[in-house]
Amino acid sequence: MKIRLRTNYSTPAKTARAGDIIDVPDDEAKDLLEGKYAVVVPDEKPQPRKPVPRPKPKVTPSDENVRTRRRKKEE
């Protein structure tokens, strides 16, 4: 189980600091969680990002008139 440590953690096999995310056996994780020495890190796969729709620029009547005037002048 993956947990995030709230305090320093040390065993003969490994050492970790507060804030580290470590993978430990479930029984050991349960003890750390009950003592509030760690919190569970959810096992989530990253979701693909959805594209954000961009708003189309609004054309006001005055903008449209300016465009047509420019076209007429160019011709």
PDB file of N, CA and C in Angstrom:
ATOM      1  N   MET A   1       0.857  -1.171   0.000  1.00  0.00           N
ATOM      2  CA  MET A   1       0.000   0.000   0.000  1.00  0.00           C
ATOM      3  C   MET A   1       0.902   1.233   0.000  1.00  0.00           C
ATOM      4  N   LYS A   2       0.504   2.235  -0.783  1.00  0.00           N
ATOM      5  CA  LYS A   2       1.277   3.479  -0.829  1.00  0.00           C
ATOM      6  C   LYS A   2       0.744   4.440   0.225  1.00  0.00           C
ATOM      7  N   ILE A   3       1.683   5.019   0.968  1.00  0.00           N
ATOM      8  CA  ILE A   3       1.323   5.982   2.009  1.00  0.00           C
ATOM      9  C   ILE A   3       2.254   7.189   1.923  1.00  0.00           C
ATOM     10  N   ARG A   4       1.776   8.322   2.434  1.00  0.00           N
ATOM     11  CA  ARG A   4       2.617   9.522   2.562  1.00  0.00           C
ATOM     12  C   ARG A   4       2.898   9.691   4.046  1.00  0.00           C
ATOM     13  N   LEU A   5       4.174   9.771   4.361  1.00  0.00           N
ATOM     14  CA  LEU A   5       4.576   9.855   5.763  1.00  0.00           C
ATOM     15  C   LEU A   5       4.371  11.260   6.319  1.00  0.00           C
ATOM     16  N   ARG A   6       3.912  11.317   7.562  1.00  0.00           N
ATOM     17  CA  ARG A   6       3.759  12.593   8.265  1.00  0.00           C
ATOM     18  C   ARG A   6       4.941  12.839   9.192  1.00  0.00           C
ATOM     19  N   THR A   7       5.704  11.779   9.459  1.00  0.00           N
ATOM     20  CA  THR A   7       6.890  11.878  10.318  1.00  0.00           C
ATOM     21  C   THR A   7       8.018  11.063   9.680  1.00  0.00           C
ATOM     22  N   ASN A   8       9.206  11.179  10.221  1.00  0.00           N
ATOM     23  CA  ASN A   8      10.314  10.352   9.744  1.00  0.00           C
ATOM     24  C   ASN A   8      10.037   8.897  10.078  1.00  0.00           C
ATOM     25  N   TYR A   9      10.575   8.003   9.232  1.00  0.00           N
ATOM     26  CA  TYR A   9      10.291   6.575   9.357  1.00  0.00           C
ATOM     27  C   TYR A   9      11.590   5.813   9.129  1.00  0.00           C
ATOM     28  N   SER A  10      11.862   4.844   9.997  1.00  0.00           N
ATOM     29  CA  SER A  10      13.104   4.093   9.858  1.00  0.00           C
ATOM     30  C   SER A  10      12.905   2.654  10.302  1.00  0.00           C
ATOM     31  N   THR A  11      13.379   1.736   9.485  1.00  0.00           N
ATOM     32  CA  THR A  11      13.435   0.311   9.824  1.00  0.00           C
ATOM     33  C   THR A  11      14.833  -0.158   9.438  1.00  0.00           C
ATOM     34  N   PRO A  12      15.206  -1.378   9.795  1.00  0.00           N
ATOM     35  CA  PRO A  12      16.520  -1.871   9.354  1.00  0.00           C
ATOM     36  C   PRO A  12      16.633  -1.934   7.823  1.00  0.00           C
ATOM     37  N   ALA A  13      15.498  -2.071   7.140  1.00  0.00           N
ATOM     38  CA  ALA A  13      15.528  -2.209   5.681  1.00  0.00           C
ATOM     39  C   ALA A  13      15.455  -0.879   4.945  1.00  0.00           C
ATOM     40  N   LYS A  14      14.771   0.117   5.507  1.00  0.00           N
ATOM     41  CA  LYS A  14      14.614   1.395   4.791  1.00  0.00           C
ATOM     42  C   LYS A  14      14.440   2.566   5.736  1.00  0.00           C
ATOM     43  N   THR A  15      14.726   3.735   5.194  1.00  0.00           N
ATOM     44  CA  THR A  15      14.559   4.986   5.923  1.00  0.00           C
ATOM     45  C   THR A  15      13.863   5.980   5.004  1.00  0.00           C
ATOM     46  N   ALA A  16      12.923   6.769   5.564  1.00  0.00           N
ATOM     47  CA  ALA A  16      12.218   7.771   4.764  1.00  0.00           C
ATOM     48  C   ALA A  16      11.933   8.982   5.641  1.00  0.00           C
ATOM     49  N   ARG A  17      11.771  10.131   4.996  1.00  0.00           N
ATOM     50  CA  ARG A  17      11.511  11.388   5.710  1.00  0.00           C
ATOM     51  C   ARG A  17      10.031  11.746   5.629  1.00  0.00           C
ATOM     52  N   ALA A  18       9.613  12.671   6.462  1.00  0.00           N
ATOM     53  CA  ALA A  18       8.231  13.159   6.437  1.00  0.00           C
ATOM     54  C   ALA A  18       7.953  13.762   5.062  1.00  0.00           C
ATOM     55  N   GLY A  19       6.791  13.412   4.498  1.00  0.00           N
ATOM     56  CA  GLY A  19       6.407  13.901   3.181  1.00  0.00           C
ATOM     57  C   GLY A  19       6.716  12.923   2.067  1.00  0.00           C
ATOM     58  N   ASP A  20       7.572  11.932   2.326  1.00  0.00           N
ATOM     59  CA  ASP A  20       7.893  10.938   1.305  1.00  0.00           C
ATOM     60  C   ASP A  20       6.715   9.993   1.095  1.00  0.00           C
ATOM     61  N   ILE A  21       6.583   9.524  -0.135  1.00  0.00           N
ATOM     62  CA  ILE A  21       5.579   8.508  -0.457  1.00  0.00           C
ATOM     63  C   ILE A  21       6.314   7.193  -0.604  1.00  0.00           C
ATOM     64  N   ILE A  22       5.885   6.204   0.198  1.00  0.00           N
ATOM     65  CA  ILE A  22       6.555   4.901   0.179  1.00  0.00           C
ATOM     66  C   ILE A  22       5.521   3.802   0.029  1.00  0.00           C
ATOM     67  N   ASP A  23       6.002   2.657  -0.420  1.00  0.00           N
ATOM     68  CA  ASP A  23       5.149   1.479  -0.557  1.00  0.00           C
ATOM     69  C   ASP A  23       5.550   0.499   0.543  1.00  0.00           C
ATOM     70  N   VAL A  24       4.605   0.156   1.407  1.00  0.00           N
ATOM     71  CA  VAL A  24       4.879  -0.757   2.518  1.00  0.00           C
ATOM     72  C   VAL A  24       3.827  -1.862   2.538  1.00  0.00           C
ATOM     73  N   PRO A  25       4.121  -2.983   3.205  1.00  0.00           N
ATOM     74  CA  PRO A  25       3.121  -4.043   3.327  1.00  0.00           C
ATOM     75  C   PRO A  25       1.854  -3.528   4.031  1.00  0.00           C
ATOM     76  N   ASP A  26       0.730  -4.126   3.708  1.00  0.00           N
ATOM     77  CA  ASP A  26      -0.561  -3.659   4.237  1.00  0.00           C
ATOM     78  C   ASP A  26      -0.626  -3.635   5.761  1.00  0.00           C
ATOM     79  N   ASP A  27      -0.084  -4.650   6.433  1.00  0.00           N
ATOM     80  CA  ASP A  27      -0.158  -4.672   7.899  1.00  0.00           C
ATOM     81  C   ASP A  27       0.663  -3.542   8.520  1.00  0.00           C
ATOM     82  N   GLU A  28       1.817  -3.260   7.932  1.00  0.00           N
ATOM     83  CA  GLU A  28       2.652  -2.165   8.422  1.00  0.00           C
ATOM     84  C   GLU A  28       1.981  -0.813   8.146  1.00  0.00           C
ATOM     85  N   ALA A  29       1.381  -0.689   6.966  1.00  0.00           N
ATOM     86  CA  ALA A  29       0.673   0.549   6.611  1.00  0.00           C
ATOM     87  C   ALA A  29      -0.499   0.778   7.557  1.00  0.00           C
ATOM     88  N   LYS A  30      -1.206  -0.272   7.905  1.00  0.00           N
ATOM     89  CA  LYS A  30      -2.341  -0.150   8.810  1.00  0.00           C
ATOM     90  C   LYS A  30      -1.899   0.406  10.165  1.00  0.00           C
ATOM     91  N   ASP A  31      -0.783  -0.091  10.678  1.00  0.00           N
ATOM     92  CA  ASP A  31      -0.267   0.400  11.958  1.00  0.00           C
ATOM     93  C   ASP A  31       0.113   1.883  11.871  1.00  0.00           C
ATOM     94  N   LEU A  32       0.769   2.270  10.788  1.00  0.00           N
ATOM     95  CA  LEU A  32       1.162   3.674  10.628  1.00  0.00           C
ATOM     96  C   LEU A  32      -0.059   4.578  10.476  1.00  0.00           C
ATOM     97  N   LEU A  33      -1.080   4.103   9.778  1.00  0.00           N
ATOM     98  CA  LEU A  33      -2.296   4.901   9.595  1.00  0.00           C
ATOM     99  C   LEU A  33      -3.066   5.052  10.908  1.00  0.00           C
ATOM    100  N   GLU A  34      -3.157   3.986  11.684  1.00  0.00           N
ATOM    101  CA  GLU A  34      -3.860   4.054  12.971  1.00  0.00           C
ATOM    102  C   GLU A  34      -3.163   5.009  13.934  1.00  0.00           C
ATOM    103  N   GLY A  35      -1.837   5.060  13.882  1.00  0.00           N
ATOM    104  CA  GLY A  35      -1.084   5.965  14.749  1.00  0.00           C
ATOM    105  C   GLY A  35      -0.998   7.379  14.199  1.00  0.00           C
ATOM    106  N   LYS A  36      -1.612   7.600  13.043  1.00  0.00           N
ATOM    107  CA  LYS A  36      -1.615   8.901  12.365  1.00  0.00           C
ATOM    108  C   LYS A  36      -0.196   9.370  12.016  1.00  0.00           C
ATOM    109  N   TYR A  37       0.657   8.398  11.713  1.00  0.00           N
ATOM    110  CA  TYR A  37       2.000   8.710  11.257  1.00  0.00           C
ATOM    111  C   TYR A  37       2.057   8.838   9.739  1.00  0.00           C
ATOM    112  N   ALA A  38       0.944   8.447   9.071  1.00  0.00           N
ATOM    113  CA  ALA A  38       0.916   8.481   7.615  1.00  0.00           C
ATOM    114  C   ALA A  38      -0.524   8.642   7.130  1.00  0.00           C
ATOM    115  N   VAL A  39      -0.659   8.983   5.847  1.00  0.00           N
ATOM    116  CA  VAL A  39      -1.978   9.055   5.202  1.00  0.00           C
ATOM    117  C   VAL A  39      -1.913   8.231   3.915  1.00  0.00           C
ATOM    118  N   VAL A  40      -3.061   7.733   3.496  1.00  0.00           N
ATOM    119  CA  VAL A  40      -3.140   6.892   2.307  1.00  0.00           C
ATOM    120  C   VAL A  40      -2.983   7.741   1.052  1.00  0.00           C
ATOM    121  N   VAL A  41      -2.248   7.215   0.098  1.00  0.00           N
ATOM    122  CA  VAL A  41      -2.126   7.844  -1.218  1.00  0.00           C
ATOM    123  C   VAL A  41      -2.980   7.011  -2.168  1.00  0.00           C
ATOM    124  N   PRO A  42      -4.001   7.616  -2.781  1.00  0.00           N
ATOM    125  CA  PRO A  42      -4.864   6.833  -3.669  1.00  0.00           C
ATOM    126  C   PRO A  42      -4.094   6.353  -4.897  1.00  0.00           C
ATOM    127  N   ASP A  43      -4.363   5.119  -5.288  1.00  0.00           N
ATOM    128  CA  ASP A  43      -3.753   4.559  -6.493  1.00  0.00           C
ATOM    129  C   ASP A  43      -4.633   4.925  -7.676  1.00  0.00           C
ATOM    130  N   GLU A  44      -4.310   6.031  -8.306  1.00  0.00           N
ATOM    131  CA  GLU A  44      -5.089   6.503  -9.442  1.00  0.00           C
ATOM    132  C   GLU A  44      -4.203   6.596 -10.666  1.00  0.00           C
ATOM    133  N   LYS A  45      -4.767   6.205 -11.777  1.00  0.00           N
ATOM    134  CA  LYS A  45      -4.070   6.427 -13.033  1.00  0.00           C
ATOM    135  C   LYS A  45      -4.393   7.844 -13.469  1.00  0.00           C
ATOM    136  N   PRO A  46      -3.430   8.549 -13.998  1.00  0.00           N
ATOM    137  CA  PRO A  46      -3.730   9.918 -14.427  1.00  0.00           C
ATOM    138  C   PRO A  46      -4.769   9.922 -15.545  1.00  0.00           C
ATOM    139  N   GLN A  47      -5.755  10.768 -15.398  1.00  0.00           N
ATOM    140  CA  GLN A  47      -6.806  10.894 -16.391  1.00  0.00           C
ATOM    141  C   GLN A  47      -6.292  11.709 -17.565  1.00  0.00           C
ATOM    142  N   PRO A  48      -6.646  11.294 -18.789  1.00  0.00           N
ATOM    143  CA  PRO A  48      -6.226  12.120 -19.924  1.00  0.00           C
ATOM    144  C   PRO A  48      -6.897  13.481 -19.860  1.00  0.00           C
ATOM    145  N   ARG A  49      -6.145  14.501 -20.214  1.00  0.00           N
ATOM    146  CA  ARG A  49      -6.674  15.865 -20.150  1.00  0.00           C
ATOM    147  C   ARG A  49      -7.591  16.112 -21.332  1.00  0.00           C
ATOM    148  N   LYS A  50      -8.723  16.708 -21.048  1.00  0.00           N
ATOM    149  CA  LYS A  50      -9.660  17.058 -22.092  1.00  0.00           C
ATOM    150  C   LYS A  50      -9.320  18.461 -22.590  1.00  0.00           C
ATOM    151  N   PRO A  51      -9.396  18.659 -23.899  1.00  0.00           N
ATOM    152  CA  PRO A  51      -9.116  20.008 -24.393  1.00  0.00           C
ATOM    153  C   PRO A  51     -10.196  20.982 -23.938  1.00  0.00           C
ATOM    154  N   VAL A  52      -9.776  22.167 -23.609  1.00  0.00           N
ATOM    155  CA  VAL A  52     -10.694  23.203 -23.148  1.00  0.00           C
ATOM    156  C   VAL A  52     -11.180  23.979 -24.368  1.00  0.00           C
ATOM    157  N   PRO A  53     -12.502  24.032 -24.567  1.00  0.00           N
ATOM    158  CA  PRO A  53     -12.986  24.785 -25.723  1.00  0.00           C
ATOM    159  C   PRO A  53     -12.738  26.279 -25.530  1.00  0.00           C
ATOM    160  N   ARG A  54     -12.251  26.904 -26.567  1.00  0.00           N
ATOM    161  CA  ARG A  54     -11.977  28.336 -26.502  1.00  0.00           C
ATOM    162  C   ARG A  54     -13.142  29.086 -27.115  1.00  0.00           C
ATOM    163  N   PRO A  55     -13.557  30.160 -26.478  1.00  0.00           N
ATOM    164  CA  PRO A  55     -14.686  30.913 -27.026  1.00  0.00           C
ATOM    165  C   PRO A  55     -14.282  31.628 -28.312  1.00  0.00           C
ATOM    166  N   LYS A  56     -15.218  31.697 -29.240  1.00  0.00           N
ATOM    167  CA  LYS A  56     -14.962  32.404 -30.487  1.00  0.00           C
ATOM    168  C   LYS A  56     -15.080  33.898 -30.220  1.00  0.00           C
ATOM    169  N   PRO A  57     -14.256  34.685 -30.871  1.00  0.00           N
ATOM    170  CA  PRO A  57     -14.357  36.133 -30.657  1.00  0.00           C
ATOM    171  C   PRO A  57     -15.673  36.651 -31.221  1.00  0.00           C
ATOM    172  N   LYS A  58     -16.272  37.547 -30.493  1.00  0.00           N
ATOM    173  CA  LYS A  58     -17.538  38.116 -30.925  1.00  0.00           C
ATOM    174  C   LYS A  58     -17.272  39.254 -31.910  1.00  0.00           C
ATOM    175  N   VAL A  59     -18.059  39.268 -32.962  1.00  0.00           N
ATOM    176  CA  VAL A  59     -17.950  40.339 -33.938  1.00  0.00           C
ATOM    177  C   VAL A  59     -19.134  41.267 -33.713  1.00  0.00           C
ATOM    178  N   THR A  60     -18.835  42.480 -33.350  1.00  0.00           N
ATOM    179  CA  THR A  60     -19.900  43.455 -33.116  1.00  0.00           C
ATOM    180  C   THR A  60     -20.248  44.132 -34.448  1.00  0.00           C
ATOM    181  N   PRO A  61     -21.420  44.685 -34.551  1.00  0.00           N
ATOM    182  CA  PRO A  61     -21.799  45.346 -35.805  1.00  0.00           C
ATOM    183  C   PRO A  61     -20.801  46.425 -36.219  1.00  0.00           C
ATOM    184  N   SER A  62     -20.251  47.157 -35.285  1.00  0.00           N
ATOM    185  CA  SER A  62     -19.294  48.207 -35.648  1.00  0.00           C
ATOM    186  C   SER A  62     -18.026  47.596 -36.245  1.00  0.00           C
ATOM    187  N   ASP A  63     -17.580  46.443 -35.729  1.00  0.00           N
ATOM    188  CA  ASP A  63     -16.413  45.773 -36.296  1.00  0.00           C
ATOM    189  C   ASP A  63     -16.696  45.324 -37.727  1.00  0.00           C
ATOM    190  N   GLU A  64     -17.877  44.828 -37.966  1.00  0.00           N
ATOM    191  CA  GLU A  64     -18.247  44.363 -39.298  1.00  0.00           C
ATOM    192  C   GLU A  64     -18.263  45.532 -40.290  1.00  0.00           C
ATOM    193  N   ASN A  65     -18.772  46.675 -39.866  1.00  0.00           N
ATOM    194  CA  ASN A  65     -18.797  47.840 -40.741  1.00  0.00           C
ATOM    195  C   ASN A  65     -17.393  48.294 -41.103  1.00  0.00           C
ATOM    196  N   VAL A  66     -16.490  48.251 -40.157  1.00  0.00           N
ATOM    197  CA  VAL A  66     -15.117  48.662 -40.414  1.00  0.00           C
ATOM    198  C   VAL A  66     -14.496  47.730 -41.443  1.00  0.00           C
ATOM    199  N   ARG A  67     -14.749  46.455 -41.342  1.00  0.00           N
ATOM    200  CA  ARG A  67     -14.188  45.491 -42.288  1.00  0.00           C
ATOM    201  C   ARG A  67     -14.716  45.740 -43.695  1.00  0.00           C
ATOM    202  N   THR A  68     -16.001  45.959 -43.823  1.00  0.00           N
ATOM    203  CA  THR A  68     -16.552  46.171 -45.163  1.00  0.00           C
ATOM    204  C   THR A  68     -16.073  47.496 -45.747  1.00  0.00           C
ATOM    205  N   ARG A  69     -15.910  48.499 -44.920  1.00  0.00           N
ATOM    206  CA  ARG A  69     -15.411  49.787 -45.403  1.00  0.00           C
ATOM    207  C   ARG A  69     -13.983  49.639 -45.927  1.00  0.00           C
ATOM    208  N   ARG A  70     -13.169  48.870 -45.197  1.00  0.00           N
ATOM    209  CA  ARG A  70     -11.790  48.679 -45.622  1.00  0.00           C
ATOM    210  C   ARG A  70     -11.743  47.960 -46.966  1.00  0.00           C
ATOM    211  N   ARG A  71     -12.581  46.944 -47.141  1.00  0.00           N
ATOM    212  CA  ARG A  71     -12.610  46.202 -48.380  1.00  0.00           C
ATOM    213  C   ARG A  71     -13.008  47.118 -49.541  1.00  0.00           C
ATOM    214  N   LYS A  72     -13.989  47.975 -49.320  1.00  0.00           N
ATOM    215  CA  LYS A  72     -14.459  48.870 -50.373  1.00  0.00           C
ATOM    216  C   LYS A  72     -13.361  49.855 -50.752  1.00  0.00           C
ATOM    217  N   LYS A  73     -12.615  50.348 -49.755  1.00  0.00           N
ATOM    218  CA  LYS A  73     -11.550  51.310 -50.023  1.00  0.00           C
ATOM    219  C   LYS A  73     -10.412  50.659 -50.810  1.00  0.00           C
ATOM    220  N   GLU A  74     -10.125  49.396 -50.494  1.00  0.00           N
ATOM    221  CA  GLU A  74      -9.036  48.695 -51.162  1.00  0.00           C
ATOM    222  C   GLU A  74      -9.359  48.421 -52.630  1.00  0.00           C
ATOM    223  N   GLU A  75     -10.625  48.236 -52.939  1.00  0.00           N
ATOM    224  CA  GLU A  75     -11.025  47.905 -54.314  1.00  0.00           C
ATOM    225  C   GLU A  75     -10.945  49.061 -55.170  1.00  0.00           C
TER     226      GLU A  75
END
